[in-house]
């Protein structure tokens, strides 16, 4: 079992809950790169980078 500390997720339009996880990573720098790539691909959606329950970044 792999323990990924960071998740990059697409959230619903109200920003209430995640609807899709687009990346998981064990290191911040990899998660940050995935988040930035996801911004280019999913520019019209709410993106969140999380570490557990803590929100690290969001574009909303």
PDB file of N, CA and C in Angstrom:
ATOM      1  N   UNK A   1       0.845  -1.187   0.000  1.00  0.00           N
ATOM      2  CA  UNK A   1       0.000   0.000   0.000  1.00  0.00           C
ATOM      3  C   UNK A   1       0.885   1.243   0.000  1.00  0.00           C
ATOM      4  N   UNK A   2       0.597   2.163  -0.919  1.00  0.00           N
ATOM      5  CA  UNK A   2       1.369   3.380  -1.033  1.00  0.00           C
ATOM      6  C   UNK A   2       0.672   4.508  -0.296  1.00  0.00           C
ATOM      7  N   UNK A   3       1.439   5.280   0.466  1.00  0.00           N
ATOM      8  CA  UNK A   3       0.882   6.405   1.204  1.00  0.00           C
ATOM      9  C   UNK A   3       1.247   7.695   0.474  1.00  0.00           C
ATOM     10  N   UNK A   4       0.288   8.265  -0.233  1.00  0.00           N
ATOM     11  CA  UNK A   4       0.502   9.525  -0.939  1.00  0.00           C
ATOM     12  C   UNK A   4       0.035  10.656  -0.033  1.00  0.00           C
ATOM     13  N   UNK A   5       0.948  11.561   0.273  1.00  0.00           N
ATOM     14  CA  UNK A   5       0.621  12.646   1.184  1.00  0.00           C
ATOM     15  C   UNK A   5      -0.178  13.758   0.521  1.00  0.00           C
ATOM     16  N   UNK A   6      -0.002  13.952  -0.781  1.00  0.00           N
ATOM     17  CA  UNK A   6      -0.632  15.068  -1.483  1.00  0.00           C
ATOM     18  C   UNK A   6      -1.582  14.558  -2.560  1.00  0.00           C
ATOM     19  N   UNK A   7      -2.696  15.273  -2.741  1.00  0.00           N
ATOM     20  CA  UNK A   7      -3.652  14.946  -3.799  1.00  0.00           C
ATOM     21  C   UNK A   7      -3.980  16.219  -4.568  1.00  0.00           C
ATOM     22  N   UNK A   8      -4.126  16.076  -5.870  1.00  0.00           N
ATOM     23  CA  UNK A   8      -4.636  17.140  -6.721  1.00  0.00           C
ATOM     24  C   UNK A   8      -6.006  16.677  -7.176  1.00  0.00           C
ATOM     25  N   UNK A   9      -7.019  17.493  -6.881  1.00  0.00           N
ATOM     26  CA  UNK A   9      -8.390  17.067  -7.135  1.00  0.00           C
ATOM     27  C   UNK A   9      -9.190  18.135  -7.869  1.00  0.00           C
ATOM     28  N   UNK A  10     -10.154  17.670  -8.640  1.00  0.00           N
ATOM     29  CA  UNK A  10     -11.187  18.535  -9.211  1.00  0.00           C
ATOM     30  C   UNK A  10     -12.359  18.493  -8.242  1.00  0.00           C
ATOM     31  N   UNK A  11     -12.845  19.669  -7.870  1.00  0.00           N
ATOM     32  CA  UNK A  11     -13.975  19.767  -6.948  1.00  0.00           C
ATOM     33  C   UNK A  11     -15.218  20.211  -7.699  1.00  0.00           C
ATOM     34  N   UNK A  12     -16.373  19.985  -7.090  1.00  0.00           N
ATOM     35  CA  UNK A  12     -17.618  20.422  -7.712  1.00  0.00           C
ATOM     36  C   UNK A  12     -17.620  21.946  -7.837  1.00  0.00           C
ATOM     37  N   UNK A  13     -18.536  22.469  -8.638  1.00  0.00           N
ATOM     38  CA  UNK A  13     -18.535  23.897  -8.945  1.00  0.00           C
ATOM     39  C   UNK A  13     -18.793  24.783  -7.723  1.00  0.00           C
ATOM     40  N   UNK A  14     -19.407  24.236  -6.695  1.00  0.00           N
ATOM     41  CA  UNK A  14     -19.624  24.990  -5.456  1.00  0.00           C
ATOM     42  C   UNK A  14     -18.420  24.909  -4.515  1.00  0.00           C
ATOM     43  N   UNK A  15     -17.453  24.064  -4.835  1.00  0.00           N
ATOM     44  CA  UNK A  15     -16.278  23.897  -3.979  1.00  0.00           C
ATOM     45  C   UNK A  15     -16.571  23.142  -2.704  1.00  0.00           C
ATOM     46  N   UNK A  16     -17.590  22.279  -2.729  1.00  0.00           N
ATOM     47  CA  UNK A  16     -17.991  21.545  -1.529  1.00  0.00           C
ATOM     48  C   UNK A  16     -17.322  20.188  -1.362  1.00  0.00           C
ATOM     49  N   UNK A  17     -17.014  19.531  -2.497  1.00  0.00           N
ATOM     50  CA  UNK A  17     -16.484  18.174  -2.382  1.00  0.00           C
ATOM     51  C   UNK A  17     -15.686  17.814  -3.629  1.00  0.00           C
ATOM     52  N   UNK A  18     -14.724  16.911  -3.471  1.00  0.00           N
ATOM     53  CA  UNK A  18     -13.975  16.452  -4.646  1.00  0.00           C
ATOM     54  C   UNK A  18     -14.825  15.523  -5.506  1.00  0.00           C
ATOM     55  N   UNK A  19     -14.674  15.659  -6.821  1.00  0.00           N
ATOM     56  CA  UNK A  19     -15.377  14.768  -7.736  1.00  0.00           C
ATOM     57  C   UNK A  19     -14.408  13.865  -8.501  1.00  0.00           C
ATOM     58  N   UNK A  20     -13.114  14.248  -8.530  1.00  0.00           N
ATOM     59  CA  UNK A  20     -12.111  13.427  -9.215  1.00  0.00           C
ATOM     60  C   UNK A  20     -10.728  13.744  -8.670  1.00  0.00           C
ATOM     61  N   UNK A  21      -9.944  12.713  -8.435  1.00  0.00           N
ATOM     62  CA  UNK A  21      -8.541  12.889  -8.077  1.00  0.00           C
ATOM     63  C   UNK A  21      -7.726  12.708  -9.348  1.00  0.00           C
ATOM     64  N   UNK A  22      -6.975  13.757  -9.725  1.00  0.00           N
ATOM     65  CA  UNK A  22      -6.199  13.695 -10.967  1.00  0.00           C
ATOM     66  C   UNK A  22      -4.747  13.320 -10.720  1.00  0.00           C
ATOM     67  N   UNK A  23      -4.271  13.462  -9.477  1.00  0.00           N
ATOM     68  CA  UNK A  23      -2.887  13.067  -9.158  1.00  0.00           C
ATOM     69  C   UNK A  23      -2.736  12.836  -7.664  1.00  0.00           C
ATOM     70  N   UNK A  24      -1.820  11.950  -7.334  1.00  0.00           N
ATOM     71  CA  UNK A  24      -1.413  11.717  -5.945  1.00  0.00           C
ATOM     72  C   UNK A  24       0.096  11.634  -5.935  1.00  0.00           C
ATOM     73  N   UNK A  25       0.725  12.213  -4.903  1.00  0.00           N
ATOM     74  CA  UNK A  25       2.180  12.221  -4.836  1.00  0.00           C
ATOM     75  C   UNK A  25       2.639  12.204  -3.391  1.00  0.00           C
ATOM     76  N   UNK A  26       3.821  11.683  -3.191  1.00  0.00           N
ATOM     77  CA  UNK A  26       4.410  11.643  -1.861  1.00  0.00           C
ATOM     78  C   UNK A  26       5.283  12.835  -1.550  1.00  0.00           C
ATOM     79  N   UNK A  27       5.574  13.652  -2.560  1.00  0.00           N
ATOM     80  CA  UNK A  27       6.445  14.815  -2.386  1.00  0.00           C
ATOM     81  C   UNK A  27       5.753  16.070  -2.903  1.00  0.00           C
ATOM     82  N   UNK A  28       5.955  17.185  -2.174  1.00  0.00           N
ATOM     83  CA  UNK A  28       5.316  18.442  -2.539  1.00  0.00           C
ATOM     84  C   UNK A  28       5.678  18.886  -3.949  1.00  0.00           C
ATOM     85  N   UNK A  29       6.942  18.806  -4.330  1.00  0.00           N
ATOM     86  CA  UNK A  29       7.362  19.318  -5.635  1.00  0.00           C
ATOM     87  C   UNK A  29       6.681  18.577  -6.790  1.00  0.00           C
ATOM     88  N   UNK A  30       6.450  17.291  -6.632  1.00  0.00           N
ATOM     89  CA  UNK A  30       5.761  16.510  -7.666  1.00  0.00           C
ATOM     90  C   UNK A  30       4.278  16.883  -7.695  1.00  0.00           C
ATOM     91  N   UNK A  31       3.682  17.019  -6.526  1.00  0.00           N
ATOM     92  CA  UNK A  31       2.276  17.421  -6.454  1.00  0.00           C
ATOM     93  C   UNK A  31       2.085  18.826  -7.022  1.00  0.00           C
ATOM     94  N   UNK A  32       3.030  19.718  -6.763  1.00  0.00           N
ATOM     95  CA  UNK A  32       2.943  21.079  -7.272  1.00  0.00           C
ATOM     96  C   UNK A  32       3.021  21.087  -8.799  1.00  0.00           C
ATOM     97  N   UNK A  33       3.900  20.283  -9.359  1.00  0.00           N
ATOM     98  CA  UNK A  33       4.005  20.179 -10.819  1.00  0.00           C
ATOM     99  C   UNK A  33       2.716  19.614 -11.405  1.00  0.00           C
ATOM    100  N   UNK A  34       2.143  18.622 -10.742  1.00  0.00           N
ATOM    101  CA  UNK A  34       0.878  18.037 -11.207  1.00  0.00           C
ATOM    102  C   UNK A  34      -0.250  19.060 -11.121  1.00  0.00           C
ATOM    103  N   UNK A  35      -0.270  19.842 -10.058  1.00  0.00           N
ATOM    104  CA  UNK A  35      -1.288  20.885  -9.896  1.00  0.00           C
ATOM    105  C   UNK A  35      -1.183  21.902 -11.031  1.00  0.00           C
ATOM    106  N   UNK A  36       0.031  22.362 -11.316  1.00  0.00           N
ATOM    107  CA  UNK A  36       0.234  23.350 -12.374  1.00  0.00           C
ATOM    108  C   UNK A  36      -0.134  22.790 -13.745  1.00  0.00           C
ATOM    109  N   UNK A  37       0.169  21.530 -14.000  1.00  0.00           N
ATOM    110  CA  UNK A  37      -0.227  20.901 -15.259  1.00  0.00           C
ATOM    111  C   UNK A  37      -1.744  20.782 -15.334  1.00  0.00           C
ATOM    112  N   UNK A  38      -2.377  20.437 -14.220  1.00  0.00           N
ATOM    113  CA  UNK A  38      -3.838  20.313 -14.183  1.00  0.00           C
ATOM    114  C   UNK A  38      -4.509  21.657 -14.441  1.00  0.00           C
ATOM    115  N   UNK A  39      -3.886  22.755 -14.006  1.00  0.00           N
ATOM    116  CA  UNK A  39      -4.438  24.085 -14.281  1.00  0.00           C
ATOM    117  C   UNK A  39      -4.525  24.338 -15.778  1.00  0.00           C
ATOM    118  N   UNK A  40      -3.512  23.901 -16.521  1.00  0.00           N
ATOM    119  CA  UNK A  40      -3.517  24.078 -17.974  1.00  0.00           C
ATOM    120  C   UNK A  40      -4.596  23.231 -18.647  1.00  0.00           C
ATOM    121  N   UNK A  41      -4.781  22.028 -18.141  1.00  0.00           N
ATOM    122  CA  UNK A  41      -5.719  21.088 -18.756  1.00  0.00           C
ATOM    123  C   UNK A  41      -7.163  21.359 -18.328  1.00  0.00           C
ATOM    124  N   UNK A  42      -7.356  21.646 -17.064  1.00  0.00           N
ATOM    125  CA  UNK A  42      -8.702  21.810 -16.482  1.00  0.00           C
ATOM    126  C   UNK A  42      -8.919  23.257 -16.037  1.00  0.00           C
ATOM    127  N   UNK A  43      -8.591  24.217 -16.884  1.00  0.00           N
ATOM    128  CA  UNK A  43      -8.619  25.635 -16.515  1.00  0.00           C
ATOM    129  C   UNK A  43     -10.001  26.149 -16.135  1.00  0.00           C
ATOM    130  N   UNK A  44     -11.054  25.453 -16.548  1.00  0.00           N
ATOM    131  CA  UNK A  44     -12.411  25.907 -16.247  1.00  0.00           C
ATOM    132  C   UNK A  44     -13.042  25.173 -15.071  1.00  0.00           C
ATOM    133  N   UNK A  45     -12.243  24.428 -14.319  1.00  0.00           N
ATOM    134  CA  UNK A  45     -12.768  23.658 -13.186  1.00  0.00           C
ATOM    135  C   UNK A  45     -12.082  24.105 -11.894  1.00  0.00           C
ATOM    136  N   UNK A  46     -12.713  23.801 -10.761  1.00  0.00           N
ATOM    137  CA  UNK A  46     -12.137  24.119  -9.456  1.00  0.00           C
ATOM    138  C   UNK A  46     -11.109  23.047  -9.108  1.00  0.00           C
ATOM    139  N   UNK A  47      -9.851  23.460  -8.954  1.00  0.00           N
ATOM    140  CA  UNK A  47      -8.769  22.541  -8.611  1.00  0.00           C
ATOM    141  C   UNK A  47      -8.271  22.815  -7.199  1.00  0.00           C
ATOM    142  N   UNK A  48      -7.930  21.747  -6.507  1.00  0.00           N
ATOM    143  CA  UNK A  48      -7.429  21.856  -5.141  1.00  0.00           C
ATOM    144  C   UNK A  48      -6.249  20.903  -4.982  1.00  0.00           C
ATOM    145  N   UNK A  49      -5.167  21.394  -4.367  1.00  0.00           N
ATOM    146  CA  UNK A  49      -4.091  20.504  -3.940  1.00  0.00           C
ATOM    147  C   UNK A  49      -4.210  20.381  -2.427  1.00  0.00           C
ATOM    148  N   UNK A  50      -4.285  19.136  -1.955  1.00  0.00           N
ATOM    149  CA  UNK A  50      -4.495  18.876  -0.531  1.00  0.00           C
ATOM    150  C   UNK A  50      -3.372  18.032   0.044  1.00  0.00           C
ATOM    151  N   UNK A  51      -3.165  18.222   1.327  1.00  0.00           N
ATOM    152  CA  UNK A  51      -2.325  17.343   2.133  1.00  0.00           C
ATOM    153  C   UNK A  51      -3.216  16.896   3.283  1.00  0.00           C
ATOM    154  N   UNK A  52      -3.758  15.692   3.141  1.00  0.00           N
ATOM    155  CA  UNK A  52      -4.764  15.241   4.099  1.00  0.00           C
ATOM    156  C   UNK A  52      -5.994  16.116   3.979  1.00  0.00           C
ATOM    157  N   UNK A  53      -6.466  16.664   5.089  1.00  0.00           N
ATOM    158  CA  UNK A  53      -7.632  17.540   5.075  1.00  0.00           C
ATOM    159  C   UNK A  53      -7.261  18.993   4.758  1.00  0.00           C
ATOM    160  N   UNK A  54      -5.981  19.294   4.785  1.00  0.00           N
ATOM    161  CA  UNK A  54      -5.501  20.675   4.596  1.00  0.00           C
ATOM    162  C   UNK A  54      -5.413  21.046   3.110  1.00  0.00           C
ATOM    163  N   UNK A  55      -6.018  22.178   2.755  1.00  0.00           N
ATOM    164  CA  UNK A  55      -5.917  22.694   1.384  1.00  0.00           C
ATOM    165  C   UNK A  55      -4.617  23.492   1.269  1.00  0.00           C
ATOM    166  N   UNK A  56      -3.769  23.089   0.316  1.00  0.00           N
ATOM    167  CA  UNK A  56      -2.510  23.771   0.084  1.00  0.00           C
ATOM    168  C   UNK A  56      -2.686  24.872  -0.957  1.00  0.00           C
ATOM    169  N   UNK A  57      -3.350  24.545  -2.057  1.00  0.00           N
ATOM    170  CA  UNK A  57      -3.583  25.498  -3.154  1.00  0.00           C
ATOM    171  C   UNK A  57      -4.964  25.275  -3.728  1.00  0.00           C
ATOM    172  N   UNK A  58      -5.547  26.355  -4.226  1.00  0.00           N
ATOM    173  CA  UNK A  58      -6.788  26.244  -4.976  1.00  0.00           C
ATOM    174  C   UNK A  58      -6.860  27.393  -5.987  1.00  0.00           C
ATOM    175  N   UNK A  59      -7.553  27.170  -7.058  1.00  0.00           N
ATOM    176  CA  UNK A  59      -7.711  28.213  -8.060  1.00  0.00           C
ATOM    177  C   UNK A  59      -9.086  28.880  -7.990  1.00  0.00           C
ATOM    178  N   UNK A  60      -9.849  28.559  -6.949  1.00  0.00           N
ATOM    179  CA  UNK A  60     -11.184  29.169  -6.834  1.00  0.00           C
ATOM    180  C   UNK A  60     -11.138  30.441  -6.009  1.00  0.00           C
TER     181      UNK A  60
END
